[in-house]
Each structure stands twice: as structure tokens, then as C-alpha cells.
Amino acid sequence: MFEDPRRQRQLQQLTQKLGLPANAPVDWSLLDLALIHPSASEQRNYEQLEFVGDAVVRLISAEILLETYPEETVGEFAAVRSIVVSDRVLAELAIYYGIEPYLIIGPNAKGNSTGRQSWLADAFEAILGALYLSTHNMDLIRPWLDEALQKQSAKVRSDPARGNYKDALQEWTQGKYKILPKYKVSENTKSATRDKRFVAEVWLPKVGAQEASLLGKGVGRSKKSAEQAAAKAAFYSVVT
């Protein structure tokens, strides 16, 4: 068992959230390491486990795609997997499984909300690396991760924009009008939540006799996420 009883209880709570049995052969020291951000310790952190976990989630995703869509092309597999293993999706999974309260982060990084998605994704991969190295197989991972990755894969395949609405909208405006959309972003000082800190508008610039038109609006915790939200609103309003 782990040396610190309090930390041990925290890690056991996390494994319960993942659906692992109480007697699962988890290497607790590795799992603890997987939850230490480099800002908390330069020498003892999750970076090496993240490297292993990246390979783990890519392999599992490949196996799930092959098992679920055996008639699909390799090109489609690669396109879907690139999104399923992206920081955005892995951070969403980290939030879904509630790992953030167990993550040890230095005070300087903790105040940087723009890095939150990256460190959540990194920590999630590190957890996968720790669980893999505990047994050197996927027994502690696939029973709880398969369903989540299957849902994400189906979601990606059903999304015509593949999650990148800015690129999809740009492709549409270039094809139809030979012009790029324009974004206007402002800070929402009245918002009480970080998720709505920025407000973005996406416009189709003036084309010939046609005046500039507002295509969509969106909000987000960062300028980029707000732009994606605006592009998504525009995509489903004028493209699909």
C-alpha cells in the first residue's frame, strides 16, 4: 500500500470512479506519480507516464475502431483516432471521471486556466500509463475505457465537421464565396463563469453587392474556444 494513508484513500477513491475493484493490482506509487504536474515537482512528475499513456490510448483506440468498424478504411481510422486522442477529448474524459481534484499542481500553474485542458489531458494519459505499467497489459484499462472511447468514436464519425468547426466553416466560405470568415472576439466582463469569459462573432465579409453578415455567435473560456463555438453555431446555421 502507499505510504501516505490520506493519499492512499484519495487514489482508491479515484480507482473506484474508474470502476476498478478494491483488490485491483494497482501500483499506487505510479498512480500517485501520474497525478503530479511538472509545476509541482521538476524531478518527480507525470511526464514519463504520460509518454507511455499516449501510446496506450492510441493502441486501444485503434483496436476499438478496427473491432467496431471492420469495413472502414485506414484513412478513416486515422482521421477519427486523431480526434479521439486529442487533448480536447482526453480532457473531457478526465473531467468526466473526475480526476482534477486528485491532481497536484504548483501554485503558478494552478492560476493559468488556459493550460487546464492540456494538463488534464496529460494527466489522463499518465494515469493510463500508470495502470498499464502496473500489470503490463490492458486489464486495468479496457474494462472502463472501452465504452467511453466507443462513444467518442461514434460521436466523431457522426459529426460532419469532425469537431473543428473553424476549418469546416472556412472550407465552406472559400468554396462558396472565395473568401475567409472574420472573427471578432471580446471579453465578457459581466460573466460570472469562466466558461463564458469570451464572446466571439463570426462574420462573412462583404462580397460584391452583398453586405457583410453575421454567421454565428459563441462563448468560451478562451478566445479560441469562443471562436470554435461561434463557428459551430454558424456551421449548423448556414452550412448543414
Protein backbone atom coordinates (compact mmCIF):
# COMPACT_ATOMS: atom_id res chain seq x y z
CA MET A 1 0.00 0.00 0.00
CA PHE A 2 1.01 3.64 -0.43
CA GLU A 3 2.98 5.31 2.38
CA ASP A 4 0.63 8.27 2.96
CA PRO A 5 -2.75 6.94 4.26
CA ARG A 6 -4.62 10.09 3.20
CA ARG A 7 -3.21 10.00 -0.32
CA GLN A 8 -3.87 6.27 -0.45
CA ARG A 9 -7.56 6.88 0.27
CA GLN A 10 -7.69 9.54 -2.43
CA LEU A 11 -6.17 7.22 -5.00
CA GLN A 12 -8.54 4.42 -4.01
CA GLN A 13 -11.47 6.81 -4.50
CA LEU A 14 -10.19 7.59 -7.98
CA THR A 15 -9.86 3.93 -8.96
CA GLN A 16 -13.42 3.39 -7.73
CA LYS A 17 -14.59 6.17 -10.05
CA LEU A 18 -12.88 4.30 -12.87
CA GLY A 19 -14.82 1.18 -11.91
CA LEU A 20 -11.83 -0.84 -10.73
CA PRO A 21 -12.36 -3.38 -7.92
CA ALA A 22 -10.86 -2.72 -4.48
CA ASN A 23 -8.34 -5.52 -4.93
CA ALA A 24 -7.13 -4.36 -8.36
CA PRO A 25 -3.34 -4.81 -8.67
CA VAL A 26 -2.61 -1.08 -8.99
CA ASP A 27 0.91 0.21 -8.42
CA TRP A 28 -0.08 3.06 -6.11
CA SER A 29 3.25 4.85 -6.32
CA LEU A 30 2.90 5.01 -10.12
CA LEU A 31 -0.69 6.23 -9.90
CA ASP A 32 0.39 8.91 -7.43
CA LEU A 33 3.17 9.96 -9.82
CA ALA A 34 0.66 10.16 -12.67
CA LEU A 35 -1.15 12.90 -10.79
CA ILE A 36 1.81 15.22 -10.14
CA HIS A 37 2.09 18.12 -12.57
CA PRO A 38 5.64 19.27 -13.54
CA SER A 39 4.92 22.63 -11.89
CA ALA A 40 4.71 20.82 -8.54
CA SER A 41 8.00 18.94 -8.99
CA GLU A 42 10.60 19.14 -11.75
CA GLN A 43 12.08 15.75 -10.80
CA ARG A 44 9.02 13.74 -9.78
CA ASN A 45 6.08 14.26 -12.14
CA TYR A 46 3.86 12.57 -14.70
CA GLU A 47 5.80 13.30 -17.90
CA GLN A 48 7.29 9.83 -18.46
CA LEU A 49 4.00 8.11 -17.62
CA GLU A 50 2.21 10.47 -20.00
CA PHE A 51 4.58 9.29 -22.75
CA VAL A 52 3.57 5.68 -22.09
CA GLY A 53 -0.12 6.55 -21.74
CA ASP A 54 -0.12 8.32 -25.09
CA ALA A 55 0.89 5.05 -26.76
CA VAL A 56 -1.68 3.13 -24.70
CA VAL A 57 -4.68 5.27 -25.65
CA ARG A 58 -3.64 5.31 -29.31
CA LEU A 59 -3.40 1.50 -29.37
CA ILE A 60 -6.73 0.98 -27.60
CA SER A 61 -8.41 3.48 -29.92
CA ALA A 62 -7.02 1.67 -32.95
CA GLU A 63 -8.26 -1.70 -31.67
CA ILE A 64 -11.72 -0.32 -30.88
CA LEU A 65 -12.06 1.26 -34.34
CA LEU A 66 -10.98 -1.98 -36.00
CA GLU A 67 -13.35 -4.04 -33.86
CA THR A 68 -16.33 -1.68 -34.28
CA TYR A 69 -15.91 -0.63 -37.93
CA PRO A 70 -14.08 -3.54 -39.62
CA GLU A 71 -15.10 -2.42 -43.12
CA GLU A 72 -13.74 1.13 -42.74
CA THR A 73 -10.59 2.42 -44.45
CA VAL A 74 -7.28 3.05 -42.71
CA GLY A 75 -7.57 6.72 -43.67
CA GLU A 76 -10.88 6.96 -41.81
CA PHE A 77 -9.37 5.17 -38.81
CA ALA A 78 -6.52 7.68 -38.69
CA ALA A 79 -8.83 10.68 -39.04
CA VAL A 80 -11.17 9.53 -36.28
CA ARG A 81 -8.40 8.44 -33.93
CA SER A 82 -6.58 11.77 -34.26
CA ILE A 83 -9.65 13.45 -32.74
CA VAL A 84 -10.44 10.76 -30.17
CA VAL A 85 -6.92 11.02 -28.69
CA SER A 86 -6.75 14.82 -28.93
CA ASP A 87 -6.22 16.97 -25.84
CA ARG A 88 -9.79 18.24 -26.11
CA VAL A 89 -11.37 14.80 -25.92
CA LEU A 90 -8.95 13.41 -23.33
CA ALA A 91 -9.55 16.46 -21.13
CA GLU A 92 -13.29 15.86 -21.44
CA LEU A 93 -12.75 12.28 -20.28
CA ALA A 94 -10.59 13.48 -17.40
CA ILE A 95 -13.42 15.77 -16.32
CA TYR A 96 -16.00 13.00 -16.76
CA TYR A 97 -14.04 10.67 -14.49
CA GLY A 98 -13.35 13.47 -12.00
CA ILE A 99 -9.56 13.31 -11.85
CA GLU A 100 -8.88 17.03 -11.33
CA PRO A 101 -9.34 17.05 -7.52
CA TYR A 102 -6.58 14.41 -7.24
CA LEU A 103 -4.10 16.29 -9.42
CA ILE A 104 -1.21 18.02 -7.62
CA ILE A 105 -0.38 21.29 -9.36
CA GLY A 106 2.06 24.06 -8.44
CA PRO A 107 0.55 27.42 -7.43
CA ASN A 108 1.88 29.21 -10.51
CA ALA A 109 0.28 26.78 -12.97
CA LYS A 110 -2.94 26.47 -10.99
CA GLY A 111 -3.88 30.05 -11.81
CA ASN A 112 -3.35 29.53 -15.54
CA SER A 113 -6.79 28.48 -16.76
CA THR A 114 -5.68 28.39 -20.41
CA GLY A 115 -3.42 25.43 -19.65
CA ARG A 116 -6.15 23.43 -17.92
CA GLN A 117 -7.13 21.38 -20.98
CA SER A 118 -3.54 20.40 -21.64
CA TRP A 119 -2.72 19.28 -18.11
CA LEU A 120 -5.99 17.38 -17.75
CA ALA A 121 -5.26 15.51 -20.98
CA ASP A 122 -1.65 14.88 -19.92
CA ALA A 123 -2.69 13.58 -16.51
CA PHE A 124 -5.31 11.32 -18.06
CA GLU A 125 -2.67 9.78 -20.33
CA ALA A 126 -0.33 9.44 -17.37
CA ILE A 127 -2.99 7.53 -15.43
CA LEU A 128 -3.30 5.14 -18.38
CA GLY A 129 0.47 4.76 -18.38
CA ALA A 130 0.49 4.01 -14.64
CA LEU A 131 -2.27 1.42 -14.92
CA TYR A 132 -0.60 -0.26 -17.90
CA LEU A 133 2.76 -0.47 -16.13
CA SER A 134 1.05 -1.88 -13.02
CA THR A 135 0.28 -5.12 -14.91
CA HIS A 136 1.98 -4.65 -18.32
CA ASN A 137 -1.34 -5.35 -20.02
CA MET A 138 -4.66 -3.58 -20.58
CA ASP A 139 -6.60 -5.41 -17.84
CA LEU A 140 -6.90 -2.31 -15.63
CA ILE A 141 -7.87 -0.03 -18.53
CA ARG A 142 -10.10 -1.55 -21.15
CA PRO A 143 -12.96 -2.62 -18.83
CA TRP A 144 -13.77 1.03 -18.11
CA LEU A 145 -12.25 2.95 -21.04
CA ASP A 146 -13.62 0.96 -23.98
CA GLU A 147 -17.18 2.25 -23.69
CA ALA A 148 -16.03 5.87 -23.40
CA LEU A 149 -13.82 5.60 -26.48
CA GLN A 150 -16.56 3.82 -28.44
CA LYS A 151 -18.95 6.68 -27.68
CA GLN A 152 -16.35 9.26 -28.66
CA SER A 153 -15.59 7.42 -31.91
CA ALA A 154 -19.28 7.26 -32.83
CA LYS A 155 -19.65 10.94 -31.97
CA VAL A 156 -16.73 11.91 -34.21
CA ARG A 157 -17.98 9.79 -37.11
CA SER A 158 -21.43 11.39 -36.94
CA ASP A 159 -20.05 14.94 -36.87
CA PRO A 160 -19.65 16.38 -40.40
CA ALA A 161 -17.14 18.96 -39.13
CA ARG A 162 -15.14 16.39 -37.14
CA GLY A 163 -15.05 18.75 -34.16
CA ASN A 164 -13.15 21.51 -35.98
CA TYR A 165 -15.87 23.93 -36.95
CA LYS A 166 -13.47 26.76 -37.81
CA ASP A 167 -11.82 24.68 -40.52
CA ALA A 168 -15.17 23.37 -41.77
CA LEU A 169 -16.68 26.85 -41.94
CA GLN A 170 -13.59 28.24 -43.65
CA GLU A 171 -13.76 25.46 -46.24
CA TRP A 172 -17.41 26.34 -46.89
CA THR A 173 -16.87 30.12 -47.25
CA GLN A 174 -13.87 29.58 -49.51
CA GLY A 175 -15.78 27.15 -51.69
CA LYS A 176 -18.92 29.26 -51.94
CA TYR A 177 -17.62 32.84 -51.81
CA LYS A 178 -13.83 32.55 -52.29
CA ILE A 179 -13.36 34.43 -49.02
CA LEU A 180 -12.36 33.71 -45.41
CA PRO A 181 -14.70 34.30 -42.45
CA LYS A 182 -13.72 37.01 -39.98
CA TYR A 183 -13.86 36.69 -36.18
CA LYS A 184 -14.49 39.41 -33.63
CA VAL A 185 -13.72 38.47 -30.03
CA SER A 186 -14.40 40.49 -26.90
CA GLU A 187 -14.06 39.78 -23.20
CA ASN A 188 -17.32 39.30 -21.35
CA THR A 189 -16.59 41.24 -18.17
CA LYS A 190 -20.10 40.64 -16.83
CA SER A 191 -19.87 36.84 -16.95
CA ALA A 192 -19.86 35.07 -13.60
CA THR A 193 -18.38 31.86 -15.03
CA ARG A 194 -15.01 31.17 -16.68
CA ASP A 195 -16.70 29.16 -19.43
CA LYS A 196 -18.26 32.36 -20.78
CA ARG A 197 -15.31 34.70 -20.35
CA PHE A 198 -15.02 35.49 -24.07
CA VAL A 199 -17.69 36.23 -26.68
CA ALA A 200 -16.97 35.67 -30.37
CA GLU A 201 -18.81 36.61 -33.54
CA VAL A 202 -18.00 35.15 -36.93
CA TRP A 203 -18.81 37.29 -39.96
CA LEU A 204 -18.92 36.73 -43.68
CA PRO A 205 -17.19 39.84 -45.09
CA LYS A 206 -18.76 41.96 -47.79
CA VAL A 207 -18.78 40.14 -51.13
CA GLY A 208 -19.60 42.27 -54.18
CA ALA A 209 -23.01 43.81 -53.67
CA GLN A 210 -23.70 41.55 -50.68
CA GLU A 211 -23.18 43.27 -47.34
CA ALA A 212 -21.20 41.68 -44.52
CA SER A 213 -23.36 39.29 -42.49
CA LEU A 214 -23.18 37.77 -39.04
CA LEU A 215 -22.98 33.97 -39.34
CA GLY A 216 -22.87 32.95 -35.68
CA LYS A 217 -22.00 33.81 -32.08
CA GLY A 218 -20.42 31.77 -29.31
CA VAL A 219 -18.83 31.96 -25.87
CA GLY A 220 -15.88 30.20 -24.26
CA ARG A 221 -13.25 30.24 -21.51
CA SER A 222 -10.60 31.22 -24.09
CA LYS A 223 -10.60 33.22 -27.31
CA LYS A 224 -10.04 30.04 -29.33
CA SER A 225 -12.89 28.14 -27.68
CA ALA A 226 -15.23 31.10 -28.19
CA GLU A 227 -14.29 31.21 -31.88
CA GLN A 228 -14.94 27.48 -32.20
CA ALA A 229 -18.35 27.93 -30.55
CA ALA A 230 -19.21 30.76 -32.96
CA ALA A 231 -18.04 28.68 -35.92
CA LYS A 232 -20.14 25.74 -34.71
CA ALA A 233 -23.25 27.92 -34.48
CA ALA A 234 -22.56 29.24 -37.97
CA PHE A 235 -21.82 25.80 -39.39
CA TYR A 236 -25.15 24.36 -38.27
CA SER A 237 -26.99 27.53 -39.25
CA VAL A 238 -25.76 28.13 -42.79
CA VAL A 239 -23.84 25.03 -43.89
CA THR A 240 -25.82 21.95 -42.80
